[in-house]
Amino acid sequence: MSSRATGTFEVKLNPLSSDVTPDEPHLGRMSIDKQFNGELEGTSVGQMLTAMTDVKGSAGYVAIEKVTGSLQGKKGSFVLQHNGSMGGGEERLSITVVPDSGTDELTGLSGTMTINRGEEGHSYAFEFSL
């Protein structure tokens, strides 16, 4: 049976050193630190790899983040995998729970997350099964 959790989050992205040479300026690496509020309460840490192009508004990223906290009162951790791209004015983003990454009361967790960026900040909707 599928459930839904919603709420807000704050995110801090910081550049990290990378093995990219100066002649490859479009590739980057960043740390991710999030604070989730709502039906998912907790924090996450992770890393993101990015690729920019010479065309304004075209880019891609992949990321892995470990979330630790509680989901609708159940405590544990799990890992989210991101795959995002944008081009031609269209954004595509897939965020899924890495299979078998749930721990403690979140063992067996699966699901997908969507995020929204608005004037008031970031929000999430998490469709999951446990």
N, C-alpha and C. Protein backbone atom coordinates (compact mmCIF):
# COMPACT_ATOMS: atom_id res chain seq x y z
N MET A 1 0.85 -1.18 0.00
CA MET A 1 0.00 0.00 0.00
C MET A 1 0.89 1.24 0.00
N SER A 2 0.55 2.20 -0.83
CA SER A 2 1.35 3.42 -1.00
C SER A 2 0.87 4.51 -0.05
N SER A 3 1.82 5.27 0.47
CA SER A 3 1.53 6.40 1.34
C SER A 3 2.16 7.65 0.75
N ARG A 4 1.77 8.79 1.30
CA ARG A 4 2.30 10.06 0.81
C ARG A 4 2.71 10.92 2.01
N ALA A 5 3.90 11.50 1.93
CA ALA A 5 4.39 12.43 2.94
C ALA A 5 4.75 13.74 2.25
N THR A 6 4.41 14.85 2.89
CA THR A 6 4.72 16.16 2.32
C THR A 6 5.35 17.05 3.38
N GLY A 7 6.03 18.08 2.91
CA GLY A 7 6.63 19.04 3.82
C GLY A 7 7.57 19.97 3.08
N THR A 8 8.44 20.59 3.84
CA THR A 8 9.40 21.54 3.28
C THR A 8 10.82 21.11 3.61
N PHE A 9 11.78 21.72 2.94
CA PHE A 9 13.17 21.47 3.29
C PHE A 9 14.02 22.69 2.93
N GLU A 10 15.13 22.79 3.65
CA GLU A 10 16.15 23.79 3.36
C GLU A 10 17.37 23.04 2.87
N VAL A 11 18.06 23.59 1.88
CA VAL A 11 19.22 22.91 1.31
C VAL A 11 20.40 23.87 1.24
N LYS A 12 21.58 23.34 1.55
CA LYS A 12 22.83 24.08 1.38
C LYS A 12 23.71 23.26 0.45
N LEU A 13 24.15 23.89 -0.65
CA LEU A 13 25.06 23.28 -1.61
C LEU A 13 26.39 24.00 -1.53
N ASN A 14 27.47 23.25 -1.43
CA ASN A 14 28.79 23.85 -1.36
C ASN A 14 29.71 23.17 -2.36
N PRO A 15 30.49 23.95 -3.13
CA PRO A 15 31.42 23.35 -4.08
C PRO A 15 32.47 22.50 -3.37
N LEU A 16 32.81 21.39 -3.99
CA LEU A 16 33.87 20.50 -3.50
C LEU A 16 34.98 20.45 -4.54
N SER A 17 36.16 20.12 -4.10
CA SER A 17 37.25 19.94 -5.06
C SER A 17 36.95 18.73 -5.92
N SER A 18 37.48 18.73 -7.12
CA SER A 18 37.24 17.61 -8.03
C SER A 18 38.50 17.31 -8.82
N ASP A 19 38.46 16.21 -9.52
CA ASP A 19 39.58 15.82 -10.37
C ASP A 19 39.51 16.45 -11.75
N VAL A 20 38.53 17.34 -11.95
CA VAL A 20 38.33 17.96 -13.26
C VAL A 20 39.48 18.94 -13.53
N THR A 21 39.99 18.87 -14.73
CA THR A 21 41.07 19.78 -15.11
C THR A 21 40.50 21.14 -15.50
N PRO A 22 41.30 22.20 -15.44
CA PRO A 22 40.81 23.54 -15.77
C PRO A 22 40.24 23.65 -17.19
N ASP A 23 40.63 22.77 -18.10
CA ASP A 23 40.08 22.86 -19.46
C ASP A 23 38.70 22.19 -19.56
N GLU A 24 38.17 21.70 -18.43
CA GLU A 24 36.82 21.12 -18.39
C GLU A 24 35.98 21.90 -17.37
N PRO A 25 35.74 23.18 -17.62
CA PRO A 25 35.09 24.01 -16.61
C PRO A 25 33.62 23.71 -16.41
N HIS A 26 33.01 22.92 -17.25
CA HIS A 26 31.57 22.69 -17.15
C HIS A 26 31.21 21.55 -16.21
N LEU A 27 32.19 20.87 -15.64
CA LEU A 27 31.92 19.77 -14.73
C LEU A 27 32.18 20.23 -13.30
N GLY A 28 31.31 19.80 -12.37
CA GLY A 28 31.48 20.23 -10.99
C GLY A 28 31.02 19.16 -10.00
N ARG A 29 31.36 19.38 -8.74
CA ARG A 29 30.98 18.49 -7.65
C ARG A 29 30.61 19.34 -6.45
N MET A 30 29.50 18.99 -5.78
CA MET A 30 29.02 19.77 -4.65
C MET A 30 28.58 18.87 -3.51
N SER A 31 28.67 19.39 -2.28
CA SER A 31 28.10 18.69 -1.13
C SER A 31 26.65 19.15 -0.98
N ILE A 32 25.84 18.24 -0.43
CA ILE A 32 24.42 18.52 -0.18
C ILE A 32 24.18 18.36 1.32
N ASP A 33 23.57 19.36 1.93
CA ASP A 33 23.13 19.28 3.32
C ASP A 33 21.70 19.79 3.37
N LYS A 34 20.77 18.92 3.82
CA LYS A 34 19.35 19.31 3.87
C LYS A 34 18.79 19.13 5.27
N GLN A 35 17.78 19.95 5.55
CA GLN A 35 16.97 19.82 6.76
C GLN A 35 15.53 19.66 6.29
N PHE A 36 14.93 18.48 6.54
CA PHE A 36 13.55 18.20 6.15
C PHE A 36 12.61 18.50 7.32
N ASN A 37 11.45 19.07 6.99
CA ASN A 37 10.39 19.35 7.97
C ASN A 37 9.08 18.85 7.40
N GLY A 38 8.17 18.47 8.28
CA GLY A 38 6.87 17.96 7.85
C GLY A 38 6.75 16.50 8.23
N GLU A 39 6.15 15.71 7.34
CA GLU A 39 5.96 14.29 7.62
C GLU A 39 7.27 13.50 7.52
N LEU A 40 8.27 14.09 6.88
CA LEU A 40 9.63 13.59 6.90
C LEU A 40 10.43 14.61 7.71
N GLU A 41 10.90 14.20 8.88
CA GLU A 41 11.68 15.07 9.77
C GLU A 41 13.09 14.52 9.85
N GLY A 42 14.08 15.31 9.49
CA GLY A 42 15.44 14.84 9.60
C GLY A 42 16.40 15.64 8.77
N THR A 43 17.57 15.05 8.58
CA THR A 43 18.63 15.70 7.82
C THR A 43 19.13 14.75 6.75
N SER A 44 19.84 15.31 5.78
CA SER A 44 20.50 14.47 4.78
C SER A 44 21.85 15.07 4.45
N VAL A 45 22.75 14.19 4.05
CA VAL A 45 24.06 14.60 3.54
C VAL A 45 24.30 13.82 2.26
N GLY A 46 24.98 14.45 1.31
CA GLY A 46 25.24 13.76 0.06
C GLY A 46 26.18 14.53 -0.83
N GLN A 47 26.31 14.02 -2.05
CA GLN A 47 27.15 14.66 -3.05
C GLN A 47 26.44 14.69 -4.39
N MET A 48 26.76 15.74 -5.15
CA MET A 48 26.16 15.95 -6.47
C MET A 48 27.27 16.17 -7.49
N LEU A 49 27.11 15.56 -8.66
CA LEU A 49 27.96 15.83 -9.81
C LEU A 49 27.13 16.60 -10.81
N THR A 50 27.71 17.66 -11.39
CA THR A 50 26.98 18.52 -12.31
C THR A 50 27.71 18.65 -13.64
N ALA A 51 26.92 18.93 -14.68
CA ALA A 51 27.47 19.22 -16.01
C ALA A 51 26.68 20.37 -16.60
N MET A 52 27.38 21.42 -16.96
CA MET A 52 26.77 22.58 -17.61
C MET A 52 27.17 22.54 -19.09
N THR A 53 26.41 23.22 -19.92
CA THR A 53 26.77 23.31 -21.33
C THR A 53 26.96 24.77 -21.70
N ASP A 54 27.35 25.01 -22.92
CA ASP A 54 27.49 26.38 -23.41
C ASP A 54 26.13 27.02 -23.73
N VAL A 55 25.07 26.23 -23.74
CA VAL A 55 23.72 26.73 -24.00
C VAL A 55 23.08 27.09 -22.67
N LYS A 56 22.71 28.35 -22.51
CA LYS A 56 22.10 28.81 -21.26
C LYS A 56 20.85 27.99 -20.97
N GLY A 57 20.75 27.49 -19.73
CA GLY A 57 19.57 26.73 -19.31
C GLY A 57 19.65 25.25 -19.59
N SER A 58 20.77 24.76 -20.11
CA SER A 58 20.94 23.33 -20.34
C SER A 58 21.99 22.79 -19.38
N ALA A 59 21.63 21.75 -18.64
CA ALA A 59 22.52 21.18 -17.64
C ALA A 59 22.01 19.81 -17.22
N GLY A 60 22.85 19.11 -16.47
CA GLY A 60 22.45 17.83 -15.91
C GLY A 60 23.12 17.61 -14.57
N TYR A 61 22.51 16.74 -13.75
CA TYR A 61 23.15 16.39 -12.48
C TYR A 61 22.71 15.01 -12.03
N VAL A 62 23.56 14.38 -11.25
CA VAL A 62 23.24 13.15 -10.53
C VAL A 62 23.67 13.39 -9.09
N ALA A 63 22.98 12.75 -8.16
CA ALA A 63 23.32 12.94 -6.75
C ALA A 63 22.88 11.73 -5.95
N ILE A 64 23.57 11.53 -4.84
CA ILE A 64 23.21 10.53 -3.84
C ILE A 64 23.17 11.25 -2.50
N GLU A 65 22.08 11.03 -1.74
CA GLU A 65 22.01 11.63 -0.41
C GLU A 65 21.43 10.62 0.58
N LYS A 66 22.02 10.58 1.77
CA LYS A 66 21.53 9.72 2.84
C LYS A 66 20.68 10.55 3.78
N VAL A 67 19.42 10.12 3.95
CA VAL A 67 18.45 10.81 4.80
C VAL A 67 18.36 10.05 6.13
N THR A 68 18.46 10.78 7.23
CA THR A 68 18.35 10.18 8.56
C THR A 68 17.31 10.96 9.35
N GLY A 69 16.34 10.25 9.93
CA GLY A 69 15.30 10.92 10.71
C GLY A 69 14.10 10.04 10.90
N SER A 70 12.91 10.64 10.76
CA SER A 70 11.68 9.87 10.90
C SER A 70 10.72 10.21 9.78
N LEU A 71 10.03 9.19 9.31
CA LEU A 71 9.05 9.31 8.24
C LEU A 71 7.70 8.89 8.82
N GLN A 72 6.82 9.86 8.99
CA GLN A 72 5.52 9.63 9.62
C GLN A 72 5.68 8.84 10.92
N GLY A 73 6.68 9.26 11.72
CA GLY A 73 6.90 8.69 13.04
C GLY A 73 7.80 7.47 13.08
N LYS A 74 8.17 6.90 11.95
CA LYS A 74 9.04 5.73 11.92
C LYS A 74 10.48 6.19 11.72
N LYS A 75 11.38 5.74 12.60
CA LYS A 75 12.76 6.22 12.58
C LYS A 75 13.68 5.31 11.80
N GLY A 76 14.69 5.92 11.17
CA GLY A 76 15.70 5.18 10.44
C GLY A 76 16.37 6.07 9.42
N SER A 77 16.99 5.43 8.46
CA SER A 77 17.65 6.17 7.38
C SER A 77 17.38 5.46 6.06
N PHE A 78 17.64 6.17 4.96
CA PHE A 78 17.53 5.62 3.62
C PHE A 78 18.31 6.52 2.68
N VAL A 79 18.54 6.02 1.47
CA VAL A 79 19.34 6.76 0.49
C VAL A 79 18.46 7.13 -0.70
N LEU A 80 18.57 8.39 -1.15
CA LEU A 80 17.88 8.86 -2.34
C LEU A 80 18.88 9.03 -3.48
N GLN A 81 18.45 8.63 -4.67
CA GLN A 81 19.25 8.78 -5.89
C GLN A 81 18.54 9.77 -6.81
N HIS A 82 19.28 10.81 -7.24
CA HIS A 82 18.73 11.87 -8.11
C HIS A 82 19.30 11.71 -9.52
N ASN A 83 18.47 12.02 -10.51
CA ASN A 83 18.91 12.11 -11.90
C ASN A 83 18.11 13.25 -12.53
N GLY A 84 18.80 14.36 -12.84
CA GLY A 84 18.09 15.52 -13.36
C GLY A 84 18.75 16.11 -14.58
N SER A 85 17.93 16.70 -15.44
CA SER A 85 18.44 17.42 -16.60
C SER A 85 17.47 18.54 -16.95
N MET A 86 18.00 19.53 -17.65
CA MET A 86 17.14 20.59 -18.16
C MET A 86 17.67 21.05 -19.50
N GLY A 87 16.76 21.36 -20.37
CA GLY A 87 17.10 21.85 -21.70
C GLY A 87 15.84 22.22 -22.44
N GLY A 88 15.93 23.21 -23.30
CA GLY A 88 14.77 23.63 -24.07
C GLY A 88 13.63 24.11 -23.20
N GLY A 89 13.96 24.65 -22.01
CA GLY A 89 12.93 25.15 -21.12
C GLY A 89 12.21 24.07 -20.33
N GLU A 90 12.65 22.83 -20.41
CA GLU A 90 11.98 21.73 -19.73
C GLU A 90 12.93 21.08 -18.72
N GLU A 91 12.42 20.87 -17.50
CA GLU A 91 13.18 20.17 -16.47
C GLU A 91 12.67 18.75 -16.35
N ARG A 92 13.59 17.81 -16.17
CA ARG A 92 13.25 16.42 -15.91
C ARG A 92 14.02 15.99 -14.67
N LEU A 93 13.31 15.47 -13.67
CA LEU A 93 13.95 15.08 -12.43
C LEU A 93 13.32 13.79 -11.91
N SER A 94 14.18 12.84 -11.61
CA SER A 94 13.76 11.58 -11.01
C SER A 94 14.52 11.41 -9.70
N ILE A 95 13.79 11.22 -8.60
CA ILE A 95 14.40 10.97 -7.30
C ILE A 95 13.77 9.69 -6.76
N THR A 96 14.58 8.66 -6.54
CA THR A 96 14.06 7.38 -6.08
C THR A 96 14.85 6.89 -4.86
N VAL A 97 14.20 6.09 -4.05
CA VAL A 97 14.87 5.44 -2.93
C VAL A 97 15.72 4.31 -3.49
N VAL A 98 16.99 4.27 -3.09
CA VAL A 98 17.87 3.18 -3.50
C VAL A 98 17.34 1.89 -2.86
N PRO A 99 17.10 0.84 -3.67
CA PRO A 99 16.56 -0.41 -3.11
C PRO A 99 17.39 -0.94 -1.95
N ASP A 100 16.70 -1.40 -0.92
CA ASP A 100 17.29 -2.02 0.27
C ASP A 100 18.18 -1.08 1.07
N SER A 101 18.00 0.23 0.93
CA SER A 101 18.81 1.18 1.69
C SER A 101 18.16 1.58 3.01
N GLY A 102 16.90 1.23 3.24
CA GLY A 102 16.22 1.61 4.48
C GLY A 102 16.75 0.84 5.68
N THR A 103 16.85 1.54 6.82
CA THR A 103 17.33 0.91 8.05
C THR A 103 16.28 1.05 9.16
N ASP A 104 16.46 0.26 10.21
CA ASP A 104 15.62 0.32 11.41
C ASP A 104 14.14 0.21 11.04
N GLU A 105 13.31 1.16 11.47
CA GLU A 105 11.87 1.09 11.18
C GLU A 105 11.56 1.42 9.72
N LEU A 106 12.56 1.83 8.94
CA LEU A 106 12.36 2.14 7.52
C LEU A 106 12.91 1.03 6.62
N THR A 107 13.24 -0.11 7.19
CA THR A 107 13.69 -1.26 6.40
C THR A 107 12.59 -1.65 5.41
N GLY A 108 12.94 -1.84 4.16
CA GLY A 108 11.97 -2.20 3.12
C GLY A 108 11.35 -1.01 2.42
N LEU A 109 11.76 0.20 2.77
CA LEU A 109 11.20 1.41 2.16
C LEU A 109 11.50 1.46 0.66
N SER A 110 10.51 1.85 -0.12
CA SER A 110 10.69 2.15 -1.54
C SER A 110 9.86 3.38 -1.84
N GLY A 111 10.20 4.07 -2.93
CA GLY A 111 9.38 5.22 -3.28
C GLY A 111 10.09 6.22 -4.17
N THR A 112 9.34 7.28 -4.49
CA THR A 112 9.85 8.36 -5.32
C THR A 112 9.48 9.69 -4.68
N MET A 113 10.35 10.68 -4.91
CA MET A 113 10.13 12.01 -4.34
C MET A 113 10.09 13.03 -5.46
N THR A 114 9.22 14.00 -5.32
CA THR A 114 9.23 15.16 -6.20
C THR A 114 9.54 16.38 -5.35
N ILE A 115 10.24 17.34 -5.94
CA ILE A 115 10.53 18.57 -5.23
C ILE A 115 10.03 19.75 -6.04
N ASN A 116 9.64 20.78 -5.32
CA ASN A 116 9.17 22.02 -5.94
C ASN A 116 9.93 23.18 -5.34
N ARG A 117 10.31 24.11 -6.20
CA ARG A 117 10.97 25.34 -5.77
C ARG A 117 10.00 26.48 -6.03
N GLY A 118 9.70 27.20 -4.97
CA GLY A 118 8.79 28.33 -5.10
C GLY A 118 9.34 29.54 -4.41
N GLU A 119 8.58 30.62 -4.44
CA GLU A 119 8.98 31.86 -3.79
C GLU A 119 9.15 31.68 -2.29
N GLU A 120 8.40 30.75 -1.71
CA GLU A 120 8.44 30.52 -0.27
C GLU A 120 9.52 29.52 0.12
N GLY A 121 10.22 28.93 -0.84
CA GLY A 121 11.25 27.94 -0.53
C GLY A 121 11.00 26.62 -1.23
N HIS A 122 11.62 25.56 -0.71
CA HIS A 122 11.53 24.22 -1.30
C HIS A 122 10.50 23.37 -0.55
N SER A 123 9.78 22.55 -1.31
CA SER A 123 8.86 21.59 -0.70
C SER A 123 9.03 20.24 -1.40
N TYR A 124 8.55 19.19 -0.73
CA TYR A 124 8.66 17.83 -1.28
C TYR A 124 7.33 17.12 -1.15
N ALA A 125 7.13 16.15 -2.02
CA ALA A 125 6.05 15.17 -1.92
C ALA A 125 6.70 13.81 -2.11
N PHE A 126 6.53 12.92 -1.17
CA PHE A 126 7.20 11.64 -1.16
C PHE A 126 6.15 10.53 -1.20
N GLU A 127 6.07 9.85 -2.34
CA GLU A 127 5.18 8.69 -2.50
C GLU A 127 6.00 7.46 -2.14
N PHE A 128 5.56 6.69 -1.13
CA PHE A 128 6.39 5.59 -0.66
C PHE A 128 5.55 4.39 -0.21
N SER A 129 6.22 3.26 -0.14
CA SER A 129 5.66 2.03 0.40
C SER A 129 6.63 1.53 1.46
N LEU A 130 6.05 0.96 2.53
CA LEU A 130 6.88 0.45 3.61
C LEU A 130 6.28 -0.86 4.10
